[in-house]
């Protein structure tokens, strides 16, 4: 059965495109990902264009972007010279790959810039103390988040799944954590 003939699949693809644009990903890139994620077989670019009603250039750029995130890969289909593509369907691997790429593209440059700004502001008497202090705190905070991410990323997938399922209840294991706030 053609995926696009399933109303729920079409709704998923459209919604994934909308969510992608909310997350800073081009809508067509997210729709290409959703189609490949739902597909039970590799698809070539022309097929993706036809299914989604997208221009070939949008699909080509989208496939390159998704490959850079390592959540879509090129495969060869015997007897067909065209490149075909499949999506990673392990949700944890996909999440971790997306998080790693977003960190590399967005968080790492921010940490570097904040470090340079903090260094440049150190000891400057012509800048209000609260500006130096707040930029320094932001640098420390985002750096701490990046360190936490690096620690979590090294955990085995089974541990991550358990932590996620525990949610806020894991705080009970920490001394002095008290009750969970609503």
C-alpha atoms as a PDB file:
ATOM      1  CA  UNK A   1       0.000   0.000   0.000  1.00  0.00           C
ATOM      2  CA  UNK A   2       1.211   3.493  -0.869  1.00  0.00           C
ATOM      3  CA  UNK A   3       2.070   5.411   2.315  1.00  0.00           C
ATOM      4  CA  UNK A   4       0.480   8.565   0.932  1.00  0.00           C
ATOM      5  CA  UNK A   5      -2.877   6.741   0.695  1.00  0.00           C
ATOM      6  CA  UNK A   6      -2.905   6.309   4.475  1.00  0.00           C
ATOM      7  CA  UNK A   7      -4.461   9.447   6.020  1.00  0.00           C
ATOM      8  CA  UNK A   8      -2.603   8.982   9.305  1.00  0.00           C
ATOM      9  CA  UNK A   9       0.726   8.662   7.484  1.00  0.00           C
ATOM     10  CA  UNK A  10       0.029  11.833   5.487  1.00  0.00           C
ATOM     11  CA  UNK A  11      -0.943  13.615   8.711  1.00  0.00           C
ATOM     12  CA  UNK A  12       2.308  12.442  10.350  1.00  0.00           C
ATOM     13  CA  UNK A  13       4.413  13.649   7.413  1.00  0.00           C
ATOM     14  CA  UNK A  14       2.691  17.045   7.365  1.00  0.00           C
ATOM     15  CA  UNK A  15       2.960  17.428  11.134  1.00  0.00           C
ATOM     16  CA  UNK A  16       6.625  16.382  11.148  1.00  0.00           C
ATOM     17  CA  UNK A  17       7.246  19.097   8.563  1.00  0.00           C
ATOM     18  CA  UNK A  18       5.500  21.670  10.760  1.00  0.00           C
ATOM     19  CA  UNK A  19       7.431  20.543  13.826  1.00  0.00           C
ATOM     20  CA  UNK A  20      10.667  20.645  11.862  1.00  0.00           C
ATOM     21  CA  UNK A  21      10.094  24.292  11.050  1.00  0.00           C
ATOM     22  CA  UNK A  22       9.497  24.953  14.772  1.00  0.00           C
ATOM     23  CA  UNK A  23      12.814  23.256  15.560  1.00  0.00           C
ATOM     24  CA  UNK A  24      14.717  25.285  12.975  1.00  0.00           C
ATOM     25  CA  UNK A  25      14.707  22.624  10.256  1.00  0.00           C
ATOM     26  CA  UNK A  26      13.319  23.346   6.811  1.00  0.00           C
ATOM     27  CA  UNK A  27       9.782  21.960   6.438  1.00  0.00           C
ATOM     28  CA  UNK A  28      10.588  19.977   3.296  1.00  0.00           C
ATOM     29  CA  UNK A  29      13.667  18.436   4.968  1.00  0.00           C
ATOM     30  CA  UNK A  30      11.488  17.246   7.844  1.00  0.00           C
ATOM     31  CA  UNK A  31       8.848  15.897   5.444  1.00  0.00           C
ATOM     32  CA  UNK A  32      11.483  13.951   3.502  1.00  0.00           C
ATOM     33  CA  UNK A  33      12.686  12.502   6.800  1.00  0.00           C
ATOM     34  CA  UNK A  34       9.149  11.550   7.838  1.00  0.00           C
ATOM     35  CA  UNK A  35       8.457   9.816   4.519  1.00  0.00           C
ATOM     36  CA  UNK A  36      11.686   7.833   4.711  1.00  0.00           C
ATOM     37  CA  UNK A  37      11.080   6.995   8.365  1.00  0.00           C
ATOM     38  CA  UNK A  38       7.662   5.517   7.532  1.00  0.00           C
ATOM     39  CA  UNK A  39       8.865   3.721   4.398  1.00  0.00           C
ATOM     40  CA  UNK A  40       9.441  -0.002   4.443  1.00  0.00           C
ATOM     41  CA  UNK A  41      11.872   0.165   1.534  1.00  0.00           C
ATOM     42  CA  UNK A  42      14.568   2.451   0.154  1.00  0.00           C
ATOM     43  CA  UNK A  43      13.299   5.351  -1.970  1.00  0.00           C
ATOM     44  CA  UNK A  44      14.992   7.289  -4.749  1.00  0.00           C
ATOM     45  CA  UNK A  45      14.818  11.062  -5.025  1.00  0.00           C
ATOM     46  CA  UNK A  46      12.306  11.112  -7.896  1.00  0.00           C
ATOM     47  CA  UNK A  47       9.936   8.923  -5.889  1.00  0.00           C
ATOM     48  CA  UNK A  48      10.268  11.257  -2.895  1.00  0.00           C
ATOM     49  CA  UNK A  49       9.545  14.266  -5.127  1.00  0.00           C
ATOM     50  CA  UNK A  50       6.429  12.594  -6.484  1.00  0.00           C
ATOM     51  CA  UNK A  51       5.127  11.427  -3.079  1.00  0.00           C
ATOM     52  CA  UNK A  52       5.625  14.789  -1.376  1.00  0.00           C
ATOM     53  CA  UNK A  53       5.019  17.117  -4.314  1.00  0.00           C
ATOM     54  CA  UNK A  54       8.397  18.788  -3.774  1.00  0.00           C
ATOM     55  CA  UNK A  55      10.870  20.189  -6.274  1.00  0.00           C
ATOM     56  CA  UNK A  56      13.882  18.030  -7.053  1.00  0.00           C
ATOM     57  CA  UNK A  57      16.234  20.690  -5.647  1.00  0.00           C
ATOM     58  CA  UNK A  58      14.359  20.696  -2.313  1.00  0.00           C
ATOM     59  CA  UNK A  59      14.574  16.924  -2.070  1.00  0.00           C
ATOM     60  CA  UNK A  60      18.281  16.864  -3.032  1.00  0.00           C
ATOM     61  CA  UNK A  61      19.130  19.533  -0.465  1.00  0.00           C
ATOM     62  CA  UNK A  62      16.974  17.806   2.126  1.00  0.00           C
ATOM     63  CA  UNK A  63      18.674  14.466   1.583  1.00  0.00           C
ATOM     64  CA  UNK A  64      22.104  16.105   1.947  1.00  0.00           C
ATOM     65  CA  UNK A  65      21.004  17.781   5.182  1.00  0.00           C
ATOM     66  CA  UNK A  66      19.579  14.540   6.594  1.00  0.00           C
ATOM     67  CA  UNK A  67      22.745  12.668   5.637  1.00  0.00           C
ATOM     68  CA  UNK A  68      24.834  15.298   7.442  1.00  0.00           C
ATOM     69  CA  UNK A  69      22.807  14.527  10.580  1.00  0.00           C
ATOM     70  CA  UNK A  70      23.491  10.828   9.881  1.00  0.00           C
ATOM     71  CA  UNK A  71      19.802   9.938  10.223  1.00  0.00           C
ATOM     72  CA  UNK A  72      19.385   9.102   6.521  1.00  0.00           C
ATOM     73  CA  UNK A  73      21.825   7.105   4.473  1.00  0.00           C
ATOM     74  CA  UNK A  74      22.282   6.267   0.821  1.00  0.00           C
ATOM     75  CA  UNK A  75      21.867   2.641  -0.233  1.00  0.00           C
ATOM     76  CA  UNK A  76      22.058   0.896  -3.566  1.00  0.00           C
ATOM     77  CA  UNK A  77      19.264  -1.225  -4.941  1.00  0.00           C
ATOM     78  CA  UNK A  78      20.325  -4.063  -7.198  1.00  0.00           C
ATOM     79  CA  UNK A  79      19.406  -3.420 -10.804  1.00  0.00           C
ATOM     80  CA  UNK A  80      18.810   0.316 -10.301  1.00  0.00           C
ATOM     81  CA  UNK A  81      21.563   2.845 -10.965  1.00  0.00           C
ATOM     82  CA  UNK A  82      19.847   5.585  -8.940  1.00  0.00           C
ATOM     83  CA  UNK A  83      20.753   6.316  -5.351  1.00  0.00           C
ATOM     84  CA  UNK A  84      18.129   5.231  -2.855  1.00  0.00           C
ATOM     85  CA  UNK A  85      17.740   6.424   0.712  1.00  0.00           C
ATOM     86  CA  UNK A  86      16.572   4.987   4.005  1.00  0.00           C
ATOM     87  CA  UNK A  87      16.064   6.581   7.406  1.00  0.00           C
ATOM     88  CA  UNK A  88      17.434   5.364  10.687  1.00  0.00           C
ATOM     89  CA  UNK A  89      14.471   3.835  12.501  1.00  0.00           C
ATOM     90  CA  UNK A  90      16.123   3.383  15.900  1.00  0.00           C
ATOM     91  CA  UNK A  91      14.598   6.322  17.752  1.00  0.00           C
ATOM     92  CA  UNK A  92      17.334   6.541  20.389  1.00  0.00           C
ATOM     93  CA  UNK A  93      20.101   6.519  17.812  1.00  0.00           C
ATOM     94  CA  UNK A  94      18.228   9.129  15.807  1.00  0.00           C
ATOM     95  CA  UNK A  95      17.750  11.341  18.868  1.00  0.00           C
ATOM     96  CA  UNK A  96      21.399  11.071  19.855  1.00  0.00           C
ATOM     97  CA  UNK A  97      22.617  11.839  16.320  1.00  0.00           C
ATOM     98  CA  UNK A  98      20.351  14.881  16.051  1.00  0.00           C
ATOM     99  CA  UNK A  99      21.402  16.122  19.492  1.00  0.00           C
ATOM    100  CA  UNK A 100      25.100  15.670  18.660  1.00  0.00           C
ATOM    101  CA  UNK A 101      24.780  17.573  15.391  1.00  0.00           C
ATOM    102  CA  UNK A 102      22.728  20.389  16.944  1.00  0.00           C
ATOM    103  CA  UNK A 103      25.298  20.675  19.737  1.00  0.00           C
ATOM    104  CA  UNK A 104      28.133  20.841  17.205  1.00  0.00           C
ATOM    105  CA  UNK A 105      26.370  23.467  15.084  1.00  0.00           C
ATOM    106  CA  UNK A 106      24.748  25.600  17.769  1.00  0.00           C
ATOM    107  CA  UNK A 107      25.993  25.011  21.311  1.00  0.00           C
ATOM    108  CA  UNK A 108      29.728  24.614  20.703  1.00  0.00           C
ATOM    109  CA  UNK A 109      30.074  27.935  18.809  1.00  0.00           C
ATOM    110  CA  UNK A 110      28.032  29.659  21.529  1.00  0.00           C
ATOM    111  CA  UNK A 111      30.298  28.310  24.265  1.00  0.00           C
ATOM    112  CA  UNK A 112      33.360  29.428  22.312  1.00  0.00           C
ATOM    113  CA  UNK A 113      31.968  32.932  21.759  1.00  0.00           C
ATOM    114  CA  UNK A 114      30.864  33.325  25.378  1.00  0.00           C
ATOM    115  CA  UNK A 115      34.328  32.232  26.523  1.00  0.00           C
ATOM    116  CA  UNK A 116      35.963  34.810  24.279  1.00  0.00           C
ATOM    117  CA  UNK A 117      33.562  37.510  25.477  1.00  0.00           C
ATOM    118  CA  UNK A 118      34.157  36.611  29.136  1.00  0.00           C
ATOM    119  CA  UNK A 119      37.894  36.704  28.590  1.00  0.00           C
ATOM    120  CA  UNK A 120      37.674  40.054  26.826  1.00  0.00           C
ATOM    121  CA  UNK A 121      35.555  41.525  29.627  1.00  0.00           C
ATOM    122  CA  UNK A 122      37.801  40.311  32.449  1.00  0.00           C
ATOM    123  CA  UNK A 123      39.155  43.246  34.412  1.00  0.00           C
ATOM    124  CA  UNK A 124      37.461  45.863  32.248  1.00  0.00           C
ATOM    125  CA  UNK A 125      36.484  48.795  34.420  1.00  0.00           C
ATOM    126  CA  UNK A 126      34.611  50.559  31.624  1.00  0.00           C
ATOM    127  CA  UNK A 127      31.950  47.810  31.480  1.00  0.00           C
ATOM    128  CA  UNK A 128      29.316  47.494  34.197  1.00  0.00           C
ATOM    129  CA  UNK A 129      30.033  44.608  36.565  1.00  0.00           C
ATOM    130  CA  UNK A 130      26.598  43.081  35.979  1.00  0.00           C
ATOM    131  CA  UNK A 131      27.325  42.714  32.233  1.00  0.00           C
ATOM    132  CA  UNK A 132      30.623  40.892  32.923  1.00  0.00           C
ATOM    133  CA  UNK A 133      28.954  38.753  35.576  1.00  0.00           C
ATOM    134  CA  UNK A 134      25.939  37.769  33.443  1.00  0.00           C
ATOM    135  CA  UNK A 135      27.970  36.869  30.373  1.00  0.00           C
ATOM    136  CA  UNK A 136      30.307  34.851  32.619  1.00  0.00           C
ATOM    137  CA  UNK A 137      27.373  33.067  34.243  1.00  0.00           C
ATOM    138  CA  UNK A 138      25.842  32.283  30.846  1.00  0.00           C
ATOM    139  CA  UNK A 139      29.174  30.836  29.684  1.00  0.00           C
ATOM    140  CA  UNK A 140      29.428  28.696  32.798  1.00  0.00           C
ATOM    141  CA  UNK A 141      25.798  27.552  32.561  1.00  0.00           C
ATOM    142  CA  UNK A 142      25.915  26.516  28.902  1.00  0.00           C
ATOM    143  CA  UNK A 143      29.307  24.899  29.479  1.00  0.00           C
ATOM    144  CA  UNK A 144      27.803  22.902  32.358  1.00  0.00           C
ATOM    145  CA  UNK A 145      24.907  21.801  30.147  1.00  0.00           C
ATOM    146  CA  UNK A 146      27.380  20.675  27.487  1.00  0.00           C
ATOM    147  CA  UNK A 147      29.341  18.736  30.125  1.00  0.00           C
ATOM    148  CA  UNK A 148      26.140  17.102  31.378  1.00  0.00           C
ATOM    149  CA  UNK A 149      25.233  16.188  27.802  1.00  0.00           C
ATOM    150  CA  UNK A 150      28.677  14.613  27.286  1.00  0.00           C
ATOM    151  CA  UNK A 151      28.255  12.568  30.481  1.00  0.00           C
ATOM    152  CA  UNK A 152      24.756  11.407  29.528  1.00  0.00           C
ATOM    153  CA  UNK A 153      25.828  10.588  25.982  1.00  0.00           C
ATOM    154  CA  UNK A 154      28.355   8.053  27.310  1.00  0.00           C
ATOM    155  CA  UNK A 155      25.670   6.101  29.169  1.00  0.00           C
ATOM    156  CA  UNK A 156      24.435   2.855  27.635  1.00  0.00           C
ATOM    157  CA  UNK A 157      21.128   3.108  25.797  1.00  0.00           C
ATOM    158  CA  UNK A 158      19.444   0.816  28.334  1.00  0.00           C
ATOM    159  CA  UNK A 159      20.427   3.210  31.146  1.00  0.00           C
ATOM    160  CA  UNK A 160      19.109   6.199  29.192  1.00  0.00           C
ATOM    161  CA  UNK A 161      15.791   4.444  28.616  1.00  0.00           C
ATOM    162  CA  UNK A 162      15.525   3.634  32.320  1.00  0.00           C
ATOM    163  CA  UNK A 163      16.343   7.235  33.287  1.00  0.00           C
ATOM    164  CA  UNK A 164      13.752   8.559  30.871  1.00  0.00           C
ATOM    165  CA  UNK A 165      11.078   6.210  32.221  1.00  0.00           C
ATOM    166  CA  UNK A 166      11.934   7.213  35.785  1.00  0.00           C
ATOM    167  CA  UNK A 167      11.521  10.868  34.889  1.00  0.00           C
ATOM    168  CA  UNK A 168      11.474  13.166  37.896  1.00  0.00           C
ATOM    169  CA  UNK A 169      11.259  10.204  40.281  1.00  0.00           C
ATOM    170  CA  UNK A 170      15.022   9.795  39.873  1.00  0.00           C
ATOM    171  CA  UNK A 171      15.388  12.921  42.037  1.00  0.00           C
ATOM    172  CA  UNK A 172      14.269  10.873  45.049  1.00  0.00           C
ATOM    173  CA  UNK A 173      17.612   9.105  44.855  1.00  0.00           C
ATOM    174  CA  UNK A 174      19.482  12.358  45.409  1.00  0.00           C
ATOM    175  CA  UNK A 175      20.153  13.600  48.955  1.00  0.00           C
ATOM    176  CA  UNK A 176      18.100  16.651  49.916  1.00  0.00           C
ATOM    177  CA  UNK A 177      16.013  16.609  46.731  1.00  0.00           C
ATOM    178  CA  UNK A 178      12.621  16.798  48.469  1.00  0.00           C
ATOM    179  CA  UNK A 179       9.390  16.661  46.510  1.00  0.00           C
ATOM    180  CA  UNK A 180       9.026  17.204  42.783  1.00  0.00           C
ATOM    181  CA  UNK A 181       7.701  20.669  41.936  1.00  0.00           C
ATOM    182  CA  UNK A 182       4.682  20.994  39.700  1.00  0.00           C
END
